[in-house]
């Protein structure tokens, strides 16, 4: 079975109307969309999802940003999906992201950085389960 990872197109990129352009990056690089939906995160959902950052000074701003508009959550599937997605996304800070990466092309700042991607296969499984039931992943 191919590896799975979670991708989130964040509110800044959704509001710019670049969902299709970002999805094309994944599909053009052999990552298959196994599940996808547009959702509005509640404060509780965002706090749970980013619980690992709860003690960090940026936690409140992160939760506020992620609840500021709809997001698109996706399960991406393919060989080395976690690493491939992270490579396509680019560095967290778009000023440091390599040319041609999603963040270099579409992110506004280190906070409004267009996309989220799981950092390991283990975290991907946990993150995917927060948004999708197994029957929704095809």
C-alpha atoms as a PDB file:
ATOM      1  CA  UNK A   1       0.000   0.000   0.000  1.00  0.00           C
ATOM      2  CA  UNK A   2       1.230   3.480  -0.825  1.00  0.00           C
ATOM      3  CA  UNK A   3       2.160   5.862   1.976  1.00  0.00           C
ATOM      4  CA  UNK A   4      -0.412   8.463   3.034  1.00  0.00           C
ATOM      5  CA  UNK A   5       0.009  11.995   4.310  1.00  0.00           C
ATOM      6  CA  UNK A   6      -2.309  14.820   5.282  1.00  0.00           C
ATOM      7  CA  UNK A   7      -2.235  18.109   3.438  1.00  0.00           C
ATOM      8  CA  UNK A   8      -4.126  21.234   4.413  1.00  0.00           C
ATOM      9  CA  UNK A   9      -4.530  24.187   2.100  1.00  0.00           C
ATOM     10  CA  UNK A  10      -4.706  26.999   4.647  1.00  0.00           C
ATOM     11  CA  UNK A  11      -7.144  29.967   4.730  1.00  0.00           C
ATOM     12  CA  UNK A  12      -4.714  32.366   3.016  1.00  0.00           C
ATOM     13  CA  UNK A  13      -4.336  30.147  -0.050  1.00  0.00           C
ATOM     14  CA  UNK A  14      -8.057  29.271  -0.146  1.00  0.00           C
ATOM     15  CA  UNK A  15      -8.983  32.969  -0.097  1.00  0.00           C
ATOM     16  CA  UNK A  16      -6.528  33.650  -2.956  1.00  0.00           C
ATOM     17  CA  UNK A  17      -8.261  31.069  -5.131  1.00  0.00           C
ATOM     18  CA  UNK A  18      -5.224  28.851  -5.683  1.00  0.00           C
ATOM     19  CA  UNK A  19      -6.680  25.512  -4.533  1.00  0.00           C
ATOM     20  CA  UNK A  20      -6.543  24.078  -8.066  1.00  0.00           C
ATOM     21  CA  UNK A  21      -2.983  25.259  -8.638  1.00  0.00           C
ATOM     22  CA  UNK A  22      -1.833  23.610  -5.402  1.00  0.00           C
ATOM     23  CA  UNK A  23      -3.718  20.365  -6.118  1.00  0.00           C
ATOM     24  CA  UNK A  24      -2.086  20.309  -9.555  1.00  0.00           C
ATOM     25  CA  UNK A  25       1.358  20.370  -7.898  1.00  0.00           C
ATOM     26  CA  UNK A  26       0.491  17.227  -5.965  1.00  0.00           C
ATOM     27  CA  UNK A  27      -1.050  15.377  -8.899  1.00  0.00           C
ATOM     28  CA  UNK A  28       1.783  16.397 -11.255  1.00  0.00           C
ATOM     29  CA  UNK A  29       4.246  14.868  -8.798  1.00  0.00           C
ATOM     30  CA  UNK A  30       2.602  11.446  -8.478  1.00  0.00           C
ATOM     31  CA  UNK A  31       0.637  12.158  -5.310  1.00  0.00           C
ATOM     32  CA  UNK A  32      -2.908  10.872  -5.663  1.00  0.00           C
ATOM     33  CA  UNK A  33      -5.813  12.612  -3.909  1.00  0.00           C
ATOM     34  CA  UNK A  34      -7.352   9.779  -1.857  1.00  0.00           C
ATOM     35  CA  UNK A  35      -9.771  12.095  -0.009  1.00  0.00           C
ATOM     36  CA  UNK A  36     -10.525  15.817  -0.068  1.00  0.00           C
ATOM     37  CA  UNK A  37     -12.998  18.213   1.535  1.00  0.00           C
ATOM     38  CA  UNK A  38     -13.400  21.882   2.310  1.00  0.00           C
ATOM     39  CA  UNK A  39     -14.153  22.622   5.966  1.00  0.00           C
ATOM     40  CA  UNK A  40     -14.326  25.504   8.410  1.00  0.00           C
ATOM     41  CA  UNK A  41     -12.316  24.602  11.507  1.00  0.00           C
ATOM     42  CA  UNK A  42     -13.829  25.438  14.871  1.00  0.00           C
ATOM     43  CA  UNK A  43     -11.563  26.798  17.583  1.00  0.00           C
ATOM     44  CA  UNK A  44     -11.739  23.421  19.369  1.00  0.00           C
ATOM     45  CA  UNK A  45     -10.756  21.522  16.194  1.00  0.00           C
ATOM     46  CA  UNK A  46      -7.794  23.809  15.533  1.00  0.00           C
ATOM     47  CA  UNK A  47      -6.651  23.650  19.170  1.00  0.00           C
ATOM     48  CA  UNK A  48      -6.803  19.849  19.093  1.00  0.00           C
ATOM     49  CA  UNK A  49      -4.987  19.630  15.760  1.00  0.00           C
ATOM     50  CA  UNK A  50      -2.178  21.962  16.888  1.00  0.00           C
ATOM     51  CA  UNK A  51      -2.080  20.726  20.511  1.00  0.00           C
ATOM     52  CA  UNK A  52       1.642  19.940  20.126  1.00  0.00           C
ATOM     53  CA  UNK A  53       2.232  23.719  19.920  1.00  0.00           C
ATOM     54  CA  UNK A  54      -0.037  24.638  22.880  1.00  0.00           C
ATOM     55  CA  UNK A  55       2.836  25.999  25.017  1.00  0.00           C
ATOM     56  CA  UNK A  56       4.434  27.959  22.187  1.00  0.00           C
ATOM     57  CA  UNK A  57       3.948  31.748  22.081  1.00  0.00           C
ATOM     58  CA  UNK A  58       2.389  31.613  18.590  1.00  0.00           C
ATOM     59  CA  UNK A  59      -0.323  29.059  19.491  1.00  0.00           C
ATOM     60  CA  UNK A  60      -3.163  31.586  19.848  1.00  0.00           C
ATOM     61  CA  UNK A  61      -2.302  33.320  16.589  1.00  0.00           C
ATOM     62  CA  UNK A  62      -2.016  29.969  14.794  1.00  0.00           C
ATOM     63  CA  UNK A  63      -5.447  28.851  16.006  1.00  0.00           C
ATOM     64  CA  UNK A  64      -6.909  32.248  15.104  1.00  0.00           C
ATOM     65  CA  UNK A  65      -5.433  32.066  11.614  1.00  0.00           C
ATOM     66  CA  UNK A  66      -6.559  28.484  10.978  1.00  0.00           C
ATOM     67  CA  UNK A  67     -10.131  29.370  11.985  1.00  0.00           C
ATOM     68  CA  UNK A  68     -10.202  32.626   9.976  1.00  0.00           C
ATOM     69  CA  UNK A  69     -11.640  30.991   6.856  1.00  0.00           C
ATOM     70  CA  UNK A  70     -12.229  27.630   5.193  1.00  0.00           C
ATOM     71  CA  UNK A  71      -9.423  25.145   4.599  1.00  0.00           C
ATOM     72  CA  UNK A  72      -9.116  22.221   2.213  1.00  0.00           C
ATOM     73  CA  UNK A  73      -7.981  18.992   3.857  1.00  0.00           C
ATOM     74  CA  UNK A  74      -6.659  16.151   1.737  1.00  0.00           C
ATOM     75  CA  UNK A  75      -5.219  12.705   2.072  1.00  0.00           C
ATOM     76  CA  UNK A  76      -2.375  12.376  -0.407  1.00  0.00           C
ATOM     77  CA  UNK A  77      -1.176   8.922  -1.358  1.00  0.00           C
ATOM     78  CA  UNK A  78       1.955   7.758  -3.135  1.00  0.00           C
ATOM     79  CA  UNK A  79       5.500   6.488  -2.790  1.00  0.00           C
ATOM     80  CA  UNK A  80       7.248   8.428  -0.004  1.00  0.00           C
ATOM     81  CA  UNK A  81       4.185  10.705   0.225  1.00  0.00           C
ATOM     82  CA  UNK A  82       5.291  12.438   3.445  1.00  0.00           C
ATOM     83  CA  UNK A  83       8.742  13.398   2.150  1.00  0.00           C
ATOM     84  CA  UNK A  84       7.475  14.242  -1.342  1.00  0.00           C
ATOM     85  CA  UNK A  85       4.750  16.529   0.041  1.00  0.00           C
ATOM     86  CA  UNK A  86       7.208  18.307   2.339  1.00  0.00           C
ATOM     87  CA  UNK A  87       9.578  18.845  -0.586  1.00  0.00           C
ATOM     88  CA  UNK A  88       6.756  20.283  -2.712  1.00  0.00           C
ATOM     89  CA  UNK A  89       5.651  22.591   0.126  1.00  0.00           C
ATOM     90  CA  UNK A  90       9.080  24.121   0.725  1.00  0.00           C
ATOM     91  CA  UNK A  91      10.458  25.687   3.897  1.00  0.00           C
ATOM     92  CA  UNK A  92       8.008  26.935   6.547  1.00  0.00           C
ATOM     93  CA  UNK A  93       9.246  30.479   5.970  1.00  0.00           C
ATOM     94  CA  UNK A  94       8.384  31.297   2.348  1.00  0.00           C
ATOM     95  CA  UNK A  95      11.387  33.656   2.151  1.00  0.00           C
ATOM     96  CA  UNK A  96      13.591  30.570   2.680  1.00  0.00           C
ATOM     97  CA  UNK A  97      11.536  28.241   0.447  1.00  0.00           C
ATOM     98  CA  UNK A  98      13.155  27.051  -2.760  1.00  0.00           C
ATOM     99  CA  UNK A  99      11.903  28.560  -6.016  1.00  0.00           C
ATOM    100  CA  UNK A 100       9.014  26.621  -7.472  1.00  0.00           C
ATOM    101  CA  UNK A 101       7.756  25.261  -4.148  1.00  0.00           C
ATOM    102  CA  UNK A 102       4.179  25.873  -3.029  1.00  0.00           C
ATOM    103  CA  UNK A 103       5.220  28.226  -0.243  1.00  0.00           C
ATOM    104  CA  UNK A 104       7.624  30.188  -2.441  1.00  0.00           C
ATOM    105  CA  UNK A 105       4.854  30.691  -4.995  1.00  0.00           C
ATOM    106  CA  UNK A 106       1.738  31.150  -2.838  1.00  0.00           C
ATOM    107  CA  UNK A 107       2.605  31.889   0.825  1.00  0.00           C
ATOM    108  CA  UNK A 108       2.505  35.377   2.319  1.00  0.00           C
ATOM    109  CA  UNK A 109       4.537  34.907   5.505  1.00  0.00           C
ATOM    110  CA  UNK A 110       5.844  32.375   8.014  1.00  0.00           C
ATOM    111  CA  UNK A 111       2.374  32.470   9.621  1.00  0.00           C
ATOM    112  CA  UNK A 112       0.239  32.586   6.449  1.00  0.00           C
ATOM    113  CA  UNK A 113       2.266  29.918   4.689  1.00  0.00           C
ATOM    114  CA  UNK A 114      -0.393  28.402   2.405  1.00  0.00           C
ATOM    115  CA  UNK A 115      -0.138  24.714   3.328  1.00  0.00           C
ATOM    116  CA  UNK A 116       0.376  22.177   6.097  1.00  0.00           C
ATOM    117  CA  UNK A 117       1.845  18.720   5.605  1.00  0.00           C
ATOM    118  CA  UNK A 118       2.406  15.882   8.039  1.00  0.00           C
ATOM    119  CA  UNK A 119       6.010  15.562   9.231  1.00  0.00           C
ATOM    120  CA  UNK A 120       6.063  11.747   9.586  1.00  0.00           C
ATOM    121  CA  UNK A 121       4.031   8.700   8.609  1.00  0.00           C
ATOM    122  CA  UNK A 122       3.030   8.247  12.254  1.00  0.00           C
ATOM    123  CA  UNK A 123       1.764  11.825  12.571  1.00  0.00           C
ATOM    124  CA  UNK A 124       0.077  11.526   9.170  1.00  0.00           C
ATOM    125  CA  UNK A 125      -2.041   8.620  10.447  1.00  0.00           C
ATOM    126  CA  UNK A 126      -3.082  10.634  13.529  1.00  0.00           C
ATOM    127  CA  UNK A 127      -3.777  13.799  11.540  1.00  0.00           C
ATOM    128  CA  UNK A 128      -5.759  11.967   8.854  1.00  0.00           C
ATOM    129  CA  UNK A 129      -7.962  10.359  11.518  1.00  0.00           C
ATOM    130  CA  UNK A 130      -8.882  13.820  12.850  1.00  0.00           C
ATOM    131  CA  UNK A 131     -10.506  14.737   9.525  1.00  0.00           C
ATOM    132  CA  UNK A 132     -11.485  11.545   7.712  1.00  0.00           C
ATOM    133  CA  UNK A 133     -13.201   8.274   8.479  1.00  0.00           C
ATOM    134  CA  UNK A 134     -11.563   5.311   6.761  1.00  0.00           C
ATOM    135  CA  UNK A 135     -14.570   4.891   4.439  1.00  0.00           C
ATOM    136  CA  UNK A 136     -13.976   8.408   3.061  1.00  0.00           C
ATOM    137  CA  UNK A 137     -10.457   7.541   1.870  1.00  0.00           C
ATOM    138  CA  UNK A 138     -10.642   5.943  -1.552  1.00  0.00           C
END
